[in-house]
Amino acid sequence: MNKNLKISAFKDISAFLLTTLQSQTSINLDIKYVKNADEAHQDLKQNLAHIILMSYDDTLSIALEEQYSDILAILPIHGGMLDLCGEIDLQTNKNRIGIDTDSGYARALRLFLRHRYSPEDYGKLLFIKAGATNIRYEALRDNSLDVTLLNPPFSYQLNIHRDPEFQTFLGDYQGVVANTNKTFWHDYEYHQLLQSFTTDYYAMIKRIQNNYQESIESLANYYGISKPIATNIYNCLWQNNGLSTTYEFLDSHLRGTEAIFAQDTGIFIPSERHWLEQFHEH
């Protein structure tokens, strides 16, 4: 069997998870970190990766907006773990909002800001396409952006202001999911390989969850951060919108993201999710 599995992902907490998994699986994981969601979409459509990690909103965008019928979301990775980082101050022209693309987390962010600001003030906000999470984090640090949505580890770094209202507004939400193309799902060898990846991945998640001190040390070493920051990140991973610990998608989280997608696009969400398949625990 082909033991090489190509994965495209964002360089957020996924990087720590995938790097950790590399040492715990017999599958050769060929990991590429994308610069934005457009690149992830391209990797999916051109069969350049077997697994593409991106937000569930992006899955919906491809399946329903772009009418691309070969995408399958197969595993939940996390529920967003999103924080609005930085500060907006329209009085001092701090109005530069960093997003990746118009889809994905940007939909949730736009709805939140429309909820918070008057139409006139909302019109003063400047949305800047600034790339993937790690790139936007650096832009926030060097003051070329005023606010952006970040998730761990970036949202827990020193001197990053987090807006407490955003997560309350967001509620149940499906963040990153693992997607594949039907080409691979229906190919027997790749299906077996995806199954093996799934088994090894969730076993690793359980090990991280069950080994508190060791996992905090791993996070601290991997990201070059202090133990207290690593501890905060670790604790965040197991909250309601944290890492998925089982194969099963949570319907409440799926519906949360779908509601935001539908409100932003005006696209009706079919009751049967033809873009979603999943493995089941043995």
Protein backbone atom coordinates (compact mmCIF):
# COMPACT_ATOMS: atom_id res chain seq x y z
CA MET A 1 0.00 0.00 0.00
CA ASN A 2 1.11 3.55 -0.71
CA LYS A 3 2.24 4.82 2.70
CA ASN A 4 2.58 8.47 1.70
CA LEU A 5 -0.22 10.83 2.72
CA LYS A 6 -0.11 14.43 1.54
CA ILE A 7 -1.67 16.95 3.90
CA SER A 8 -2.32 20.67 3.40
CA ALA A 9 -2.96 22.67 6.56
CA PHE A 10 -2.68 26.04 8.22
CA LYS A 11 0.23 26.70 10.53
CA ASP A 12 -1.84 27.04 13.68
CA ILE A 13 -2.41 24.38 16.37
CA SER A 14 -2.68 21.92 13.44
CA ALA A 15 1.09 22.21 12.99
CA PHE A 16 1.73 20.96 16.53
CA LEU A 17 -0.79 18.13 16.11
CA LEU A 18 0.53 16.95 12.74
CA THR A 19 4.18 17.16 13.81
CA THR A 20 3.39 15.17 16.96
CA LEU A 21 1.54 12.59 14.90
CA GLN A 22 4.49 12.17 12.53
CA SER A 23 6.46 10.44 15.27
CA GLN A 24 3.53 8.22 16.30
CA THR A 25 2.30 6.78 13.00
CA SER A 26 3.78 4.42 10.41
CA ILE A 27 2.25 6.57 7.65
CA ASN A 28 4.61 9.00 5.98
CA LEU A 29 2.92 12.38 6.43
CA ASP A 30 3.96 14.86 3.76
CA ILE A 31 2.79 18.14 5.31
CA LYS A 32 2.51 21.45 3.49
CA TYR A 33 1.48 24.65 5.24
CA VAL A 34 -0.63 26.87 2.99
CA LYS A 35 -0.35 30.65 2.78
CA ASN A 36 -4.14 31.15 2.57
CA ALA A 37 -7.45 29.34 2.08
CA ASP A 38 -7.33 29.86 -1.69
CA GLU A 39 -4.26 27.62 -1.80
CA ALA A 40 -6.03 25.00 0.32
CA HIS A 41 -9.04 25.08 -2.04
CA GLN A 42 -6.73 24.61 -5.00
CA ASP A 43 -4.99 21.65 -3.38
CA LEU A 44 -8.36 19.99 -2.87
CA LYS A 45 -9.68 20.55 -6.38
CA GLN A 46 -6.46 19.61 -8.15
CA ASN A 47 -5.91 16.48 -6.01
CA LEU A 48 -2.60 17.89 -4.77
CA ALA A 49 -3.30 16.67 -1.21
CA HIS A 50 -5.17 13.70 0.23
CA ILE A 51 -6.24 15.59 3.37
CA ILE A 52 -6.93 19.32 3.48
CA LEU A 53 -7.50 20.95 6.85
CA MET A 54 -9.66 24.07 6.61
CA SER A 55 -12.67 25.65 8.24
CA TYR A 56 -16.07 24.03 7.85
CA ASP A 57 -17.27 27.32 6.40
CA ASP A 58 -14.74 26.80 3.58
CA THR A 59 -16.14 23.30 3.05
CA LEU A 60 -19.61 24.85 2.70
CA SER A 61 -18.24 27.51 0.36
CA ILE A 62 -16.76 24.92 -1.98
CA ALA A 63 -19.75 22.57 -1.84
CA LEU A 64 -22.59 25.11 -1.99
CA GLU A 65 -21.22 28.40 -3.34
CA GLU A 66 -18.86 26.91 -5.91
CA GLN A 67 -21.05 23.83 -6.50
CA TYR A 68 -18.02 21.54 -6.35
CA SER A 69 -19.57 18.16 -5.60
CA ASP A 70 -16.41 16.10 -4.94
CA ILE A 71 -15.47 17.59 -1.57
CA LEU A 72 -16.02 15.48 1.54
CA ALA A 73 -15.54 16.63 5.12
CA ILE A 74 -14.53 13.44 6.92
CA LEU A 75 -13.25 14.39 10.40
CA PRO A 76 -13.81 17.20 12.90
CA ILE A 77 -10.54 18.76 14.11
CA HIS A 78 -11.67 21.59 16.38
CA GLY A 79 -14.55 23.90 17.13
CA GLY A 80 -12.82 27.13 16.18
CA MET A 81 -11.15 28.14 19.48
CA LEU A 82 -11.36 31.62 17.99
CA ASP A 83 -10.51 34.88 19.70
CA LEU A 84 -10.80 38.37 18.28
CA CYS A 85 -7.32 39.71 18.99
CA GLY A 86 -6.18 43.32 18.96
CA GLU A 87 -8.35 46.40 19.35
CA ILE A 88 -10.50 48.59 17.10
CA ASP A 89 -10.63 52.29 17.87
CA LEU A 90 -12.39 54.30 15.17
CA GLN A 91 -11.48 57.58 16.91
CA THR A 92 -7.78 56.94 16.23
CA ASN A 93 -8.29 55.17 12.89
CA LYS A 94 -7.45 51.76 14.30
CA ASN A 95 -9.76 50.08 11.79
CA ARG A 96 -7.61 47.57 9.86
CA ILE A 97 -9.24 44.13 10.09
CA GLY A 98 -7.12 41.18 8.97
CA ILE A 99 -8.90 38.30 7.23
CA ASP A 100 -7.67 35.40 5.15
CA THR A 101 -10.28 35.25 2.40
CA ASP A 102 -13.93 36.35 2.20
CA SER A 103 -15.05 32.88 3.31
CA GLY A 104 -14.05 30.93 6.40
CA TYR A 105 -13.81 32.73 9.73
CA ALA A 106 -14.27 36.09 7.99
CA ARG A 107 -18.03 35.44 7.78
CA ALA A 108 -18.34 35.08 11.55
CA LEU A 109 -16.17 38.14 12.08
CA ARG A 110 -18.26 40.30 9.71
CA LEU A 111 -21.50 39.28 11.42
CA PHE A 112 -20.06 40.04 14.84
CA LEU A 113 -18.85 43.49 13.75
CA ARG A 114 -22.20 44.27 12.08
CA HIS A 115 -23.81 43.31 15.38
CA ARG A 116 -21.47 45.58 17.34
CA TYR A 117 -21.30 48.68 15.13
CA SER A 118 -23.82 50.95 13.45
CA PRO A 119 -23.99 50.67 9.65
CA GLU A 120 -22.12 53.98 9.42
CA ASP A 121 -19.29 52.86 11.71
CA TYR A 122 -19.17 49.40 10.13
CA GLY A 123 -18.57 51.16 6.82
CA LYS A 124 -15.40 52.68 8.29
CA LEU A 125 -13.82 49.28 8.89
CA LEU A 126 -11.10 48.31 6.45
CA PHE A 127 -10.94 44.57 5.69
CA ILE A 128 -7.50 43.49 4.53
CA LYS A 129 -6.76 40.06 3.03
CA ALA A 130 -3.62 39.20 4.93
CA GLY A 131 -3.21 35.43 4.54
CA ALA A 132 -3.13 32.46 6.91
CA THR A 133 -3.26 32.57 10.71
CA ASN A 134 0.50 32.68 11.35
CA ILE A 135 0.95 35.47 8.78
CA ARG A 136 -1.85 37.56 10.29
CA TYR A 137 -0.40 37.02 13.77
CA GLU A 138 2.90 38.54 12.64
CA ALA A 139 1.04 41.44 11.00
CA LEU A 140 -0.79 42.09 14.27
CA ARG A 141 2.49 42.03 16.16
CA ASP A 142 4.17 44.51 13.82
CA ASN A 143 1.09 46.81 13.88
CA SER A 144 0.24 46.49 10.19
CA LEU A 145 -3.15 45.11 11.35
CA ASP A 146 -5.29 46.33 14.26
CA VAL A 147 -7.44 43.23 14.83
CA THR A 148 -7.81 39.72 13.46
CA LEU A 149 -9.23 36.35 14.49
CA LEU A 150 -6.61 34.02 15.91
CA ASN A 151 -6.65 30.62 17.58
CA PRO A 152 -4.03 28.84 19.68
CA PRO A 153 -1.13 29.15 19.95
CA PHE A 154 -1.21 32.69 18.57
CA SER A 155 -4.18 33.97 20.57
CA TYR A 156 -2.41 33.11 23.83
CA GLN A 157 0.89 34.87 23.21
CA LEU A 158 2.08 37.68 25.48
CA ASN A 159 0.50 41.11 25.11
CA ILE A 160 -2.29 39.97 22.78
CA HIS A 161 -5.62 41.54 23.75
CA ARG A 162 -8.58 39.15 23.38
CA ASP A 163 -12.13 40.46 23.04
CA PRO A 164 -14.26 38.43 25.50
CA GLU A 165 -17.53 39.09 23.64
CA PHE A 166 -16.61 37.34 20.42
CA GLN A 167 -16.70 33.74 21.68
CA THR A 168 -20.02 34.39 23.40
CA PHE A 169 -21.42 35.74 20.13
CA LEU A 170 -20.03 32.79 18.17
CA GLY A 171 -21.53 30.05 20.36
CA ASP A 172 -21.39 26.49 19.06
CA TYR A 173 -19.25 26.48 15.94
CA GLN A 174 -17.45 23.92 13.80
CA GLY A 175 -14.01 25.29 13.01
CA VAL A 176 -11.44 23.19 11.20
CA VAL A 177 -12.38 19.90 9.55
CA ALA A 178 -10.36 17.40 7.54
CA ASN A 179 -11.54 17.29 3.95
CA THR A 180 -10.70 14.93 1.13
CA ASN A 181 -11.68 14.53 -2.49
CA LYS A 182 -14.09 11.76 -3.52
CA THR A 183 -11.31 10.51 -5.81
CA PHE A 184 -9.42 9.32 -2.72
CA TRP A 185 -12.46 8.39 -0.64
CA HIS A 186 -13.58 5.88 -3.28
CA ASP A 187 -10.08 4.52 -3.96
CA TYR A 188 -9.68 1.39 -1.80
CA GLU A 189 -5.99 1.91 -0.91
CA TYR A 190 -6.39 5.57 -0.07
CA HIS A 191 -9.57 4.89 1.88
CA GLN A 192 -7.62 2.38 4.01
CA LEU A 193 -4.85 4.92 4.43
CA LEU A 194 -7.30 7.63 5.48
CA GLN A 195 -8.80 5.15 7.95
CA SER A 196 -5.36 4.41 9.43
CA PHE A 197 -4.61 8.12 9.67
CA THR A 198 -7.90 8.66 11.49
CA THR A 199 -7.24 5.89 14.01
CA ASP A 200 -3.70 7.14 14.72
CA TYR A 201 -4.80 10.78 14.88
CA TYR A 202 -7.48 10.29 17.53
CA ALA A 203 -5.21 7.97 19.54
CA MET A 204 -2.68 10.81 19.59
CA ILE A 205 -5.35 13.31 20.71
CA LYS A 206 -6.24 10.99 23.60
CA ARG A 207 -2.55 10.74 24.57
CA ILE A 208 -2.24 14.53 24.60
CA GLN A 209 -5.39 14.80 26.71
CA ASN A 210 -4.31 12.11 29.18
CA ASN A 211 -0.70 13.28 29.67
CA TYR A 212 -1.07 16.74 31.14
CA GLN A 213 2.53 17.60 32.13
CA GLU A 214 4.17 15.92 29.15
CA SER A 215 1.83 17.66 26.71
CA ILE A 216 2.43 21.09 28.27
CA GLU A 217 6.19 20.54 27.97
CA SER A 218 5.76 19.49 24.34
CA LEU A 219 3.75 22.63 23.58
CA ALA A 220 6.31 24.84 25.33
CA ASN A 221 9.19 23.24 23.44
CA TYR A 222 7.46 23.21 20.06
CA TYR A 223 6.41 26.86 20.13
CA GLY A 224 9.32 28.18 22.20
CA ILE A 225 6.96 29.58 24.83
CA SER A 226 6.82 29.63 28.63
CA LYS A 227 5.17 26.88 30.67
CA PRO A 228 2.38 29.23 31.88
CA ILE A 229 1.45 30.18 28.28
CA ALA A 230 1.67 26.52 27.24
CA THR A 231 -0.62 25.63 30.17
CA ASN A 232 -3.19 28.22 29.05
CA ILE A 233 -3.08 26.84 25.51
CA TYR A 234 -3.40 23.26 26.76
CA ASN A 235 -6.45 24.11 28.90
CA CYS A 236 -8.06 25.91 25.94
CA LEU A 237 -7.77 22.74 23.83
CA TRP A 238 -10.39 20.89 25.91
CA GLN A 239 -13.08 23.57 26.15
CA ASN A 240 -16.40 23.21 24.32
CA ASN A 241 -14.99 24.70 21.14
CA GLY A 242 -11.61 23.00 21.52
CA LEU A 243 -10.13 19.91 19.91
CA SER A 244 -12.49 17.17 18.76
CA THR A 245 -11.71 14.01 20.67
CA THR A 246 -13.92 11.60 18.71
CA TYR A 247 -14.72 10.84 15.08
CA GLU A 248 -18.23 12.20 15.43
CA PHE A 249 -19.20 15.65 14.20
CA LEU A 250 -21.34 17.53 16.71
CA ASP A 251 -24.58 18.54 15.03
CA SER A 252 -24.89 21.69 17.16
CA HIS A 253 -21.44 22.85 15.98
CA LEU A 254 -22.21 22.08 12.34
CA ARG A 255 -25.49 23.99 12.59
CA GLY A 256 -23.77 26.96 14.21
CA THR A 257 -21.37 27.38 11.29
CA GLU A 258 -24.12 26.65 8.76
CA ALA A 259 -26.32 29.39 10.25
CA ILE A 260 -23.54 31.96 9.87
CA PHE A 261 -22.82 30.78 6.31
CA ALA A 262 -26.51 30.97 5.34
CA GLN A 263 -26.96 34.41 6.90
CA ASP A 264 -23.90 35.77 5.09
CA THR A 265 -24.53 34.21 1.67
CA GLY A 266 -28.30 33.80 1.52
CA ILE A 267 -27.70 30.19 0.44
CA PHE A 268 -30.13 27.57 1.75
CA ILE A 269 -28.48 24.68 3.63
CA PRO A 270 -29.94 21.31 2.52
CA SER A 271 -30.95 19.00 5.38
CA GLU A 272 -28.90 16.19 3.85
CA ARG A 273 -25.23 17.13 4.02
CA HIS A 274 -23.92 15.58 0.79
CA TRP A 275 -20.52 17.21 1.45
CA LEU A 276 -20.03 15.29 4.70
CA GLU A 277 -18.99 11.68 5.17
CA GLN A 278 -17.21 10.24 8.11
CA PHE A 279 -15.44 7.26 9.51
CA HIS A 280 -16.82 5.55 12.56
CA GLU A 281 -14.95 4.24 15.57
CA HIS A 282 -14.41 0.51 15.58
